[in-house]
Amino acid sequence: MYAGQVVERAELTAMLRRPFHPYTQALLASDPHHAVDADMLPTIPGGVPQPGLWPAGCRFHPRCSFATPECGDSDVLLEEASPGRHTRCLHHGRLVAR
């Protein structure tokens, strides 16, 4: 979930292997169990918008490195991107498996 919306829904193993939403990908990248001792954990720039002050379009787009102008055009619906995999990202195909 991000900013009060489900952004991805999938079987756990599939989601951990290949997230379909940039927020999920960013959360997984910040897992300290995968960090090398000297590495700084990655962070997500910006902050979560306040309730009721959601941006137009995808609520994550102001913080997303995959965002394009269309991400802010209108609400992004939770859609089935592949069997059993739902995402609220227009660009889920651009995410690369870890």
PDB file of N, CA and C in Angstrom:
ATOM      1  N   MET A   1       0.843  -1.186   0.000  1.00  0.00           N
ATOM      2  CA  MET A   1       0.000   0.000   0.000  1.00  0.00           C
ATOM      3  C   MET A   1       0.881   1.240   0.000  1.00  0.00           C
ATOM      4  N   TYR A   2       0.374   2.261  -0.658  1.00  0.00           N
ATOM      5  CA  TYR A   2       1.040   3.559  -0.642  1.00  0.00           C
ATOM      6  C   TYR A   2      -0.039   4.639  -0.667  1.00  0.00           C
ATOM      7  N   ALA A   3       0.071   5.580   0.254  1.00  0.00           N
ATOM      8  CA  ALA A   3      -0.862   6.707   0.321  1.00  0.00           C
ATOM      9  C   ALA A   3      -2.316   6.246   0.278  1.00  0.00           C
ATOM     10  N   GLY A   4      -2.628   5.204   1.036  1.00  0.00           N
ATOM     11  CA  GLY A   4      -3.994   4.730   1.163  1.00  0.00           C
ATOM     12  C   GLY A   4      -4.518   3.870   0.039  1.00  0.00           C
ATOM     13  N   GLN A   5      -3.657   3.492  -0.902  1.00  0.00           N
ATOM     14  CA  GLN A   5      -4.093   2.646  -2.021  1.00  0.00           C
ATOM     15  C   GLN A   5      -3.221   1.394  -2.119  1.00  0.00           C
ATOM     16  N   VAL A   6      -3.849   0.291  -2.494  1.00  0.00           N
ATOM     17  CA  VAL A   6      -3.087  -0.904  -2.835  1.00  0.00           C
ATOM     18  C   VAL A   6      -2.368  -0.597  -4.145  1.00  0.00           C
ATOM     19  N   VAL A   7      -1.036  -0.758  -4.164  1.00  0.00           N
ATOM     20  CA  VAL A   7      -0.288  -0.490  -5.395  1.00  0.00           C
ATOM     21  C   VAL A   7       0.132  -1.779  -6.093  1.00  0.00           C
ATOM     22  N   GLU A   8       0.115  -2.876  -5.337  1.00  0.00           N
ATOM     23  CA  GLU A   8       0.479  -4.158  -5.945  1.00  0.00           C
ATOM     24  C   GLU A   8      -0.142  -5.284  -5.142  1.00  0.00           C
ATOM     25  N   ARG A   9      -0.599  -6.310  -5.863  1.00  0.00           N
ATOM     26  CA  ARG A   9      -1.155  -7.505  -5.214  1.00  0.00           C
ATOM     27  C   ARG A   9      -0.679  -8.700  -6.016  1.00  0.00           C
ATOM     28  N   ALA A  10      -0.041  -9.645  -5.308  1.00  0.00           N
ATOM     29  CA  ALA A  10       0.510 -10.825  -5.976  1.00  0.00           C
ATOM     30  C   ALA A  10       0.849 -11.878  -4.927  1.00  0.00           C
ATOM     31  N   GLU A  11       1.132 -13.061  -5.413  1.00  0.00           N
ATOM     32  CA  GLU A  11       1.659 -14.124  -4.544  1.00  0.00           C
ATOM     33  C   GLU A  11       3.025 -13.624  -4.057  1.00  0.00           C
ATOM     34  N   LEU A  12       3.319 -13.845  -2.784  1.00  0.00           N
ATOM     35  CA  LEU A  12       4.494 -13.261  -2.136  1.00  0.00           C
ATOM     36  C   LEU A  12       5.805 -13.555  -2.862  1.00  0.00           C
ATOM     37  N   THR A  13       6.069 -14.798  -3.179  1.00  0.00           N
ATOM     38  CA  THR A  13       7.337 -15.147  -3.817  1.00  0.00           C
ATOM     39  C   THR A  13       7.495 -14.431  -5.157  1.00  0.00           C
ATOM     40  N   ALA A  14       6.434 -14.386  -5.937  1.00  0.00           N
ATOM     41  CA  ALA A  14       6.493 -13.705  -7.235  1.00  0.00           C
ATOM     42  C   ALA A  14       6.777 -12.215  -7.045  1.00  0.00           C
ATOM     43  N   MET A  15       6.145 -11.601  -6.057  1.00  0.00           N
ATOM     44  CA  MET A  15       6.349 -10.174  -5.822  1.00  0.00           C
ATOM     45  C   MET A  15       7.773  -9.895  -5.343  1.00  0.00           C
ATOM     46  N   LEU A  16       8.303 -10.764  -4.493  1.00  0.00           N
ATOM     47  CA  LEU A  16       9.671 -10.574  -4.015  1.00  0.00           C
ATOM     48  C   LEU A  16      10.691 -10.765  -5.129  1.00  0.00           C
ATOM     49  N   ARG A  17      10.418 -11.677  -6.040  1.00  0.00           N
ATOM     50  CA  ARG A  17      11.340 -11.921  -7.156  1.00  0.00           C
ATOM     51  C   ARG A  17      11.296 -10.813  -8.198  1.00  0.00           C
ATOM     52  N   ARG A  18      10.084 -10.315  -8.498  1.00  0.00           N
ATOM     53  CA  ARG A  18       9.948  -9.268  -9.515  1.00  0.00           C
ATOM     54  C   ARG A  18       8.760  -8.370  -9.178  1.00  0.00           C
ATOM     55  N   PRO A  19       9.028  -7.298  -8.448  1.00  0.00           N
ATOM     56  CA  PRO A  19       7.937  -6.372  -8.141  1.00  0.00           C
ATOM     57  C   PRO A  19       7.434  -5.693  -9.406  1.00  0.00           C
ATOM     58  N   PHE A  20       6.147  -5.390  -9.421  1.00  0.00           N
ATOM     59  CA  PHE A  20       5.506  -4.734 -10.560  1.00  0.00           C
ATOM     60  C   PHE A  20       5.188  -3.273 -10.265  1.00  0.00           C
ATOM     61  N   HIS A  21       5.596  -2.759  -9.120  1.00  0.00           N
ATOM     62  CA  HIS A  21       5.375  -1.353  -8.799  1.00  0.00           C
ATOM     63  C   HIS A  21       6.676  -0.765  -8.249  1.00  0.00           C
ATOM     64  N   PRO A  22       7.033   0.459  -8.671  1.00  0.00           N
ATOM     65  CA  PRO A  22       8.277   1.076  -8.205  1.00  0.00           C
ATOM     66  C   PRO A  22       8.348   1.238  -6.688  1.00  0.00           C
ATOM     67  N   TYR A  23       7.213   1.444  -6.024  1.00  0.00           N
ATOM     68  CA  TYR A  23       7.246   1.562  -4.562  1.00  0.00           C
ATOM     69  C   TYR A  23       7.637   0.229  -3.936  1.00  0.00           C
ATOM     70  N   THR A  24       7.075  -0.855  -4.406  1.00  0.00           N
ATOM     71  CA  THR A  24       7.449  -2.179  -3.908  1.00  0.00           C
ATOM     72  C   THR A  24       8.931  -2.427  -4.158  1.00  0.00           C
ATOM     73  N   GLN A  25       9.394  -2.093  -5.357  1.00  0.00           N
ATOM     74  CA  GLN A  25      10.799  -2.276  -5.701  1.00  0.00           C
ATOM     75  C   GLN A  25      11.705  -1.468  -4.755  1.00  0.00           C
ATOM     76  N   ALA A  26      11.315  -0.233  -4.462  1.00  0.00           N
ATOM     77  CA  ALA A  26      12.108   0.608  -3.570  1.00  0.00           C
ATOM     78  C   ALA A  26      12.124   0.063  -2.146  1.00  0.00           C
ATOM     79  N   LEU A  27      10.987  -0.439  -1.677  1.00  0.00           N
ATOM     80  CA  LEU A  27      10.950  -1.025  -0.338  1.00  0.00           C
ATOM     81  C   LEU A  27      11.861  -2.246  -0.252  1.00  0.00           C
ATOM     82  N   LEU A  28      11.827  -3.087  -1.259  1.00  0.00           N
ATOM     83  CA  LEU A  28      12.677  -4.278  -1.261  1.00  0.00           C
ATOM     84  C   LEU A  28      14.160  -3.905  -1.343  1.00  0.00           C
ATOM     85  N   ALA A  29      14.478  -2.852  -2.069  1.00  0.00           N
ATOM     86  CA  ALA A  29      15.872  -2.412  -2.191  1.00  0.00           C
ATOM     87  C   ALA A  29      16.416  -1.886  -0.869  1.00  0.00           C
ATOM     88  N   SER A  30      15.541  -1.435   0.007  1.00  0.00           N
ATOM     89  CA  SER A  30      15.992  -0.894   1.292  1.00  0.00           C
ATOM     90  C   SER A  30      16.079  -1.946   2.399  1.00  0.00           C
ATOM     91  N   ASP A  31      15.915  -3.207   2.055  1.00  0.00           N
ATOM     92  CA  ASP A  31      15.999  -4.299   3.033  1.00  0.00           C
ATOM     93  C   ASP A  31      17.449  -4.426   3.526  1.00  0.00           C
ATOM     94  N   PRO A  32      17.707  -4.185   4.801  1.00  0.00           N
ATOM     95  CA  PRO A  32      19.079  -4.244   5.308  1.00  0.00           C
ATOM     96  C   PRO A  32      19.701  -5.644   5.246  1.00  0.00           C
ATOM     97  N   HIS A  33      18.896  -6.674   5.104  1.00  0.00           N
ATOM     98  CA  HIS A  33      19.438  -8.028   5.034  1.00  0.00           C
ATOM     99  C   HIS A  33      20.193  -8.291   3.736  1.00  0.00           C
ATOM    100  N   HIS A  34      19.978  -7.448   2.717  1.00  0.00           N
ATOM    101  CA  HIS A  34      20.660  -7.614   1.436  1.00  0.00           C
ATOM    102  C   HIS A  34      21.827  -6.639   1.268  1.00  0.00           C
ATOM    103  N   ALA A  35      22.074  -5.815   2.274  1.00  0.00           N
ATOM    104  CA  ALA A  35      23.108  -4.793   2.170  1.00  0.00           C
ATOM    105  C   ALA A  35      24.478  -5.352   2.512  1.00  0.00           C
ATOM    106  N   VAL A  36      25.476  -4.842   1.836  1.00  0.00           N
ATOM    107  CA  VAL A  36      26.872  -5.111   2.186  1.00  0.00           C
ATOM    108  C   VAL A  36      27.194  -4.160   3.327  1.00  0.00           C
ATOM    109  N   ASP A  37      28.058  -4.578   4.243  1.00  0.00           N
ATOM    110  CA  ASP A  37      28.312  -3.803   5.466  1.00  0.00           C
ATOM    111  C   ASP A  37      28.555  -2.313   5.244  1.00  0.00           C
ATOM    112  N   ALA A  38      29.321  -1.935   4.246  1.00  0.00           N
ATOM    113  CA  ALA A  38      29.666  -0.526   4.038  1.00  0.00           C
ATOM    114  C   ALA A  38      28.629   0.226   3.205  1.00  0.00           C
ATOM    115  N   ASP A  39      27.669  -0.459   2.642  1.00  0.00           N
ATOM    116  CA  ASP A  39      26.688   0.181   1.770  1.00  0.00           C
ATOM    117  C   ASP A  39      25.677   1.005   2.556  1.00  0.00           C
ATOM    118  N   MET A  40      25.312   2.126   1.975  1.00  0.00           N
ATOM    119  CA  MET A  40      24.200   2.913   2.496  1.00  0.00           C
ATOM    120  C   MET A  40      22.929   2.332   1.878  1.00  0.00           C
ATOM    121  N   LEU A  41      21.895   2.198   2.670  1.00  0.00           N
ATOM    122  CA  LEU A  41      20.637   1.715   2.130  1.00  0.00           C
ATOM    123  C   LEU A  41      20.024   2.796   1.248  1.00  0.00           C
ATOM    124  N   PRO A  42      19.451   2.406   0.113  1.00  0.00           N
ATOM    125  CA  PRO A  42      18.790   3.402  -0.731  1.00  0.00           C
ATOM    126  C   PRO A  42      17.548   3.951  -0.040  1.00  0.00           C
ATOM    127  N   THR A  43      17.237   5.174  -0.357  1.00  0.00           N
ATOM    128  CA  THR A  43      16.036   5.809   0.187  1.00  0.00           C
ATOM    129  C   THR A  43      15.156   6.285  -0.973  1.00  0.00           C
ATOM    130  N   ILE A  44      13.924   6.577  -0.663  1.00  0.00           N
ATOM    131  CA  ILE A  44      12.982   7.103  -1.649  1.00  0.00           C
ATOM    132  C   ILE A  44      12.941   8.616  -1.442  1.00  0.00           C
ATOM    133  N   PRO A  45      13.240   9.401  -2.480  1.00  0.00           N
ATOM    134  CA  PRO A  45      13.220  10.857  -2.301  1.00  0.00           C
ATOM    135  C   PRO A  45      11.813  11.366  -1.990  1.00  0.00           C
ATOM    136  N   GLY A  46      11.759  12.519  -1.340  1.00  0.00           N
ATOM    137  CA  GLY A  46      10.473  13.132  -1.042  1.00  0.00           C
ATOM    138  C   GLY A  46       9.785  12.488   0.145  1.00  0.00           C
ATOM    139  N   GLY A  47       8.509  12.748   0.270  1.00  0.00           N
ATOM    140  CA  GLY A  47       7.737  12.215   1.380  1.00  0.00           C
ATOM    141  C   GLY A  47       6.344  11.802   0.946  1.00  0.00           C
ATOM    142  N   VAL A  48       5.707  11.012   1.765  1.00  0.00           N
ATOM    143  CA  VAL A  48       4.333  10.563   1.493  1.00  0.00           C
ATOM    144  C   VAL A  48       3.409  11.768   1.630  1.00  0.00           C
ATOM    145  N   PRO A  49       2.527  11.998   0.661  1.00  0.00           N
ATOM    146  CA  PRO A  49       1.613  13.136   0.764  1.00  0.00           C
ATOM    147  C   PRO A  49       0.647  12.968   1.936  1.00  0.00           C
ATOM    148  N   GLN A  50       0.211  14.089   2.458  1.00  0.00           N
ATOM    149  CA  GLN A  50      -0.749  14.058   3.554  1.00  0.00           C
ATOM    150  C   GLN A  50      -2.095  13.555   3.060  1.00  0.00           C
ATOM    151  N   PRO A  51      -2.829  12.839   3.911  1.00  0.00           N
ATOM    152  CA  PRO A  51      -4.164  12.371   3.519  1.00  0.00           C
ATOM    153  C   PRO A  51      -5.026  13.527   3.023  1.00  0.00           C
ATOM    154  N   GLY A  52      -5.683  13.279   1.899  1.00  0.00           N
ATOM    155  CA  GLY A  52      -6.544  14.287   1.307  1.00  0.00           C
ATOM    156  C   GLY A  52      -5.813  15.257   0.388  1.00  0.00           C
ATOM    157  N   LEU A  53      -4.488  15.245   0.402  1.00  0.00           N
ATOM    158  CA  LEU A  53      -3.701  16.113  -0.466  1.00  0.00           C
ATOM    159  C   LEU A  53      -2.945  15.282  -1.502  1.00  0.00           C
ATOM    160  N   TRP A  54      -3.609  14.227  -1.952  1.00  0.00           N
ATOM    161  CA  TRP A  54      -2.975  13.318  -2.904  1.00  0.00           C
ATOM    162  C   TRP A  54      -2.726  14.038  -4.231  1.00  0.00           C
ATOM    163  N   PRO A  55      -1.599  13.723  -4.885  1.00  0.00           N
ATOM    164  CA  PRO A  55      -1.382  14.303  -6.216  1.00  0.00           C
ATOM    165  C   PRO A  55      -2.347  13.688  -7.225  1.00  0.00           C
ATOM    166  N   ALA A  56      -2.574  14.378  -8.324  1.00  0.00           N
ATOM    167  CA  ALA A  56      -3.402  13.826  -9.400  1.00  0.00           C
ATOM    168  C   ALA A  56      -2.682  12.626  -9.999  1.00  0.00           C
ATOM    169  N   GLY A  57      -3.443  11.681 -10.497  1.00  0.00           N
ATOM    170  CA  GLY A  57      -2.850  10.494 -11.129  1.00  0.00           C
ATOM    171  C   GLY A  57      -2.315   9.520 -10.108  1.00  0.00           C
ATOM    172  N   CYS A  58      -1.223   8.879 -10.443  1.00  0.00           N
ATOM    173  CA  CYS A  58      -0.574   7.929  -9.529  1.00  0.00           C
ATOM    174  C   CYS A  58      -0.088   8.680  -8.301  1.00  0.00           C
ATOM    175  N   ARG A  59      -0.429   8.207  -7.141  1.00  0.00           N
ATOM    176  CA  ARG A  59      -0.051   8.899  -5.909  1.00  0.00           C
ATOM    177  C   ARG A  59       1.452   8.825  -5.652  1.00  0.00           C
ATOM    178  N   PHE A  60       2.136   7.888  -6.272  1.00  0.00           N
ATOM    179  CA  PHE A  60       3.584   7.743  -6.069  1.00  0.00           C
ATOM    180  C   PHE A  60       4.396   8.514  -7.113  1.00  0.00           C
ATOM    181  N   HIS A  61       3.772   9.001  -8.167  1.00  0.00           N
ATOM    182  CA  HIS A  61       4.545   9.558  -9.287  1.00  0.00           C
ATOM    183  C   HIS A  61       5.485  10.709  -8.928  1.00  0.00           C
ATOM    184  N   PRO A  62       5.185  11.577  -7.947  1.00  0.00           N
ATOM    185  CA  PRO A  62       6.156  12.635  -7.641  1.00  0.00           C
ATOM    186  C   PRO A  62       7.486  12.103  -7.092  1.00  0.00           C
ATOM    187  N   ARG A  63       7.494  10.888  -6.595  1.00  0.00           N
ATOM    188  CA  ARG A  63       8.700  10.295  -6.003  1.00  0.00           C
ATOM    189  C   ARG A  63       9.293   9.189  -6.868  1.00  0.00           C
ATOM    190  N   CYS A  64       8.717   8.933  -8.023  1.00  0.00           N
ATOM    191  CA  CYS A  64       9.034   7.755  -8.821  1.00  0.00           C
ATOM    192  C   CYS A  64      10.027   8.063  -9.939  1.00  0.00           C
ATOM    193  N   SER A  65      11.074   7.257 -10.037  1.00  0.00           N
ATOM    194  CA  SER A  65      12.075   7.439 -11.093  1.00  0.00           C
ATOM    195  C   SER A  65      11.576   6.949 -12.456  1.00  0.00           C
ATOM    196  N   PHE A  66      10.459   6.235 -12.498  1.00  0.00           N
ATOM    197  CA  PHE A  66       9.890   5.736 -13.753  1.00  0.00           C
ATOM    198  C   PHE A  66       8.770   6.648 -14.277  1.00  0.00           C
ATOM    199  N   ALA A  67       8.405   7.669 -13.512  1.00  0.00           N
ATOM    200  CA  ALA A  67       7.253   8.505 -13.849  1.00  0.00           C
ATOM    201  C   ALA A  67       7.433   9.255 -15.164  1.00  0.00           C
ATOM    202  N   THR A  68       6.341   9.353 -15.884  1.00  0.00           N
ATOM    203  CA  THR A  68       6.253  10.142 -17.105  1.00  0.00           C
ATOM    204  C   THR A  68       5.050  11.074 -16.937  1.00  0.00           C
ATOM    205  N   PRO A  69       4.885  12.057 -17.819  1.00  0.00           N
ATOM    206  CA  PRO A  69       3.745  12.969 -17.666  1.00  0.00           C
ATOM    207  C   PRO A  69       2.391  12.268 -17.561  1.00  0.00           C
ATOM    208  N   GLU A  70       2.212  11.153 -18.248  1.00  0.00           N
ATOM    209  CA  GLU A  70       0.921  10.463 -18.207  1.00  0.00           C
ATOM    210  C   GLU A  70       0.604   9.912 -16.815  1.00  0.00           C
ATOM    211  N   CYS A  71       1.604   9.725 -15.983  1.00  0.00           N
ATOM    212  CA  CYS A  71       1.378   9.213 -14.626  1.00  0.00           C
ATOM    213  C   CYS A  71       0.571  10.193 -13.772  1.00  0.00           C
ATOM    214  N   GLY A  72       0.625  11.473 -14.108  1.00  0.00           N
ATOM    215  CA  GLY A  72      -0.113  12.478 -13.363  1.00  0.00           C
ATOM    216  C   GLY A  72      -1.409  12.899 -14.015  1.00  0.00           C
ATOM    217  N   ASP A  73      -1.756  12.286 -15.144  1.00  0.00           N
ATOM    218  CA  ASP A  73      -2.956  12.691 -15.885  1.00  0.00           C
ATOM    219  C   ASP A  73      -4.262  12.311 -15.203  1.00  0.00           C
ATOM    220  N   SER A  74      -4.388  11.061 -14.798  1.00  0.00           N
ATOM    221  CA  SER A  74      -5.632  10.594 -14.191  1.00  0.00           C
ATOM    222  C   SER A  74      -5.326   9.428 -13.267  1.00  0.00           C
ATOM    223  N   ASP A  75      -6.325   9.064 -12.453  1.00  0.00           N
ATOM    224  CA  ASP A  75      -6.124   7.961 -11.515  1.00  0.00           C
ATOM    225  C   ASP A  75      -5.650   6.715 -12.245  1.00  0.00           C
ATOM    226  N   VAL A  76      -4.724   6.010 -11.628  1.00  0.00           N
ATOM    227  CA  VAL A  76      -4.227   4.757 -12.190  1.00  0.00           C
ATOM    228  C   VAL A  76      -4.957   3.634 -11.458  1.00  0.00           C
ATOM    229  N   LEU A  77      -5.674   2.830 -12.208  1.00  0.00           N
ATOM    230  CA  LEU A  77      -6.451   1.739 -11.629  1.00  0.00           C
ATOM    231  C   LEU A  77      -5.574   0.532 -11.340  1.00  0.00           C
ATOM    232  N   LEU A  78      -5.976  -0.261 -10.365  1.00  0.00           N
ATOM    233  CA  LEU A  78      -5.309  -1.523 -10.077  1.00  0.00           C
ATOM    234  C   LEU A  78      -5.732  -2.515 -11.152  1.00  0.00           C
ATOM    235  N   GLU A  79      -4.789  -2.900 -12.007  1.00  0.00           N
ATOM    236  CA  GLU A  79      -5.106  -3.780 -13.131  1.00  0.00           C
ATOM    237  C   GLU A  79      -4.275  -5.051 -13.072  1.00  0.00           C
ATOM    238  N   GLU A  80      -4.816  -6.103 -13.670  1.00  0.00           N
ATOM    239  CA  GLU A  80      -4.097  -7.370 -13.733  1.00  0.00           C
ATOM    240  C   GLU A  80      -3.070  -7.285 -14.867  1.00  0.00           C
ATOM    241  N   ALA A  81      -1.791  -7.211 -14.486  1.00  0.00           N
ATOM    242  CA  ALA A  81      -0.708  -7.077 -15.461  1.00  0.00           C
ATOM    243  C   ALA A  81      -0.307  -8.423 -16.041  1.00  0.00           C
ATOM    244  N   SER A  82      -0.495  -9.463 -15.271  1.00  0.00           N
ATOM    245  CA  SER A  82      -0.301 -10.845 -15.713  1.00  0.00           C
ATOM    246  C   SER A  82      -1.130 -11.711 -14.770  1.00  0.00           C
ATOM    247  N   PRO A  83      -1.346 -12.984 -15.102  1.00  0.00           N
ATOM    248  CA  PRO A  83      -2.206 -13.808 -14.253  1.00  0.00           C
ATOM    249  C   PRO A  83      -1.781 -13.787 -12.777  1.00  0.00           C
ATOM    250  N   GLY A  84      -2.701 -13.356 -11.930  1.00  0.00           N
ATOM    251  CA  GLY A  84      -2.442 -13.315 -10.499  1.00  0.00           C
ATOM    252  C   GLY A  84      -1.588 -12.146 -10.041  1.00  0.00           C
ATOM    253  N   ARG A  85      -1.232 -11.238 -10.953  1.00  0.00           N
ATOM    254  CA  ARG A  85      -0.381 -10.083 -10.616  1.00  0.00           C
ATOM    255  C   ARG A  85      -1.128  -8.808 -10.924  1.00  0.00           C
ATOM    256  N   HIS A  86      -1.388  -8.013  -9.919  1.00  0.00           N
ATOM    257  CA  HIS A  86      -2.098  -6.754 -10.074  1.00  0.00           C
ATOM    258  C   HIS A  86      -1.175  -5.604  -9.678  1.00  0.00           C
ATOM    259  N   THR A  87      -1.232  -4.528 -10.435  1.00  0.00           N
ATOM    260  CA  THR A  87      -0.414  -3.364 -10.125  1.00  0.00           C
ATOM    261  C   THR A  87      -1.154  -2.089 -10.488  1.00  0.00           C
ATOM    262  N   ARG A  88      -0.748  -1.021  -9.857  1.00  0.00           N
ATOM    263  CA  ARG A  88      -1.313   0.295 -10.119  1.00  0.00           C
ATOM    264  C   ARG A  88      -0.256   1.151 -10.835  1.00  0.00           C
ATOM    265  N   CYS A  89       0.607   0.511 -11.633  1.00  0.00           N
ATOM    266  CA  CYS A  89       1.685   1.209 -12.338  1.00  0.00           C
ATOM    267  C   CYS A  89       1.529   1.081 -13.851  1.00  0.00           C
ATOM    268  N   LEU A  90       1.593   2.217 -14.531  1.00  0.00           N
ATOM    269  CA  LEU A  90       1.516   2.219 -15.994  1.00  0.00           C
ATOM    270  C   LEU A  90       2.776   1.641 -16.634  1.00  0.00           C
ATOM    271  N   HIS A  91       3.877   1.642 -15.898  1.00  0.00           N
ATOM    272  CA  HIS A  91       5.178   1.275 -16.461  1.00  0.00           C
ATOM    273  C   HIS A  91       5.769   0.017 -15.819  1.00  0.00           C
ATOM    274  N   HIS A  92       4.923  -0.870 -15.341  1.00  0.00           N
ATOM    275  CA  HIS A  92       5.422  -2.056 -14.639  1.00  0.00           C
ATOM    276  C   HIS A  92       6.374  -2.883 -15.491  1.00  0.00           C
ATOM    277  N   GLY A  93       6.228  -2.863 -16.801  1.00  0.00           N
ATOM    278  CA  GLY A  93       7.111  -3.631 -17.667  1.00  0.00           C
ATOM    279  C   GLY A  93       8.540  -3.116 -17.693  1.00  0.00           C
ATOM    280  N   ARG A  94       8.756  -1.883 -17.239  1.00  0.00           N
ATOM    281  CA  ARG A  94      10.101  -1.307 -17.231  1.00  0.00           C
ATOM    282  C   ARG A  94      10.893  -1.691 -15.998  1.00  0.00           C
ATOM    283  N   LEU A  95      10.234  -2.217 -14.962  1.00  0.00           N
ATOM    284  CA  LEU A  95      10.942  -2.602 -13.749  1.00  0.00           C
ATOM    285  C   LEU A  95      11.751  -3.861 -14.040  1.00  0.00           C
ATOM    286  N   VAL A  96      12.939  -3.904 -13.527  1.00  0.00           N
ATOM    287  CA  VAL A  96      13.846  -5.029 -13.770  1.00  0.00           C
ATOM    288  C   VAL A  96      13.928  -5.879 -12.518  1.00  0.00           C
ATOM    289  N   ALA A  97      13.949  -7.182 -12.719  1.00  0.00           N
ATOM    290  CA  ALA A  97      14.065  -8.095 -11.582  1.00  0.00           C
ATOM    291  C   ALA A  97      15.372  -7.833 -10.845  1.00  0.00           C
ATOM    292  N   ARG A  98      15.328  -7.999  -9.515  1.00  0.00           N
ATOM    293  CA  ARG A  98      16.538  -7.806  -8.702  1.00  0.00           C
ATOM    294  C   ARG A  98      17.440  -9.011  -8.835  1.00  0.00           C
TER     295      ARG A  98
END
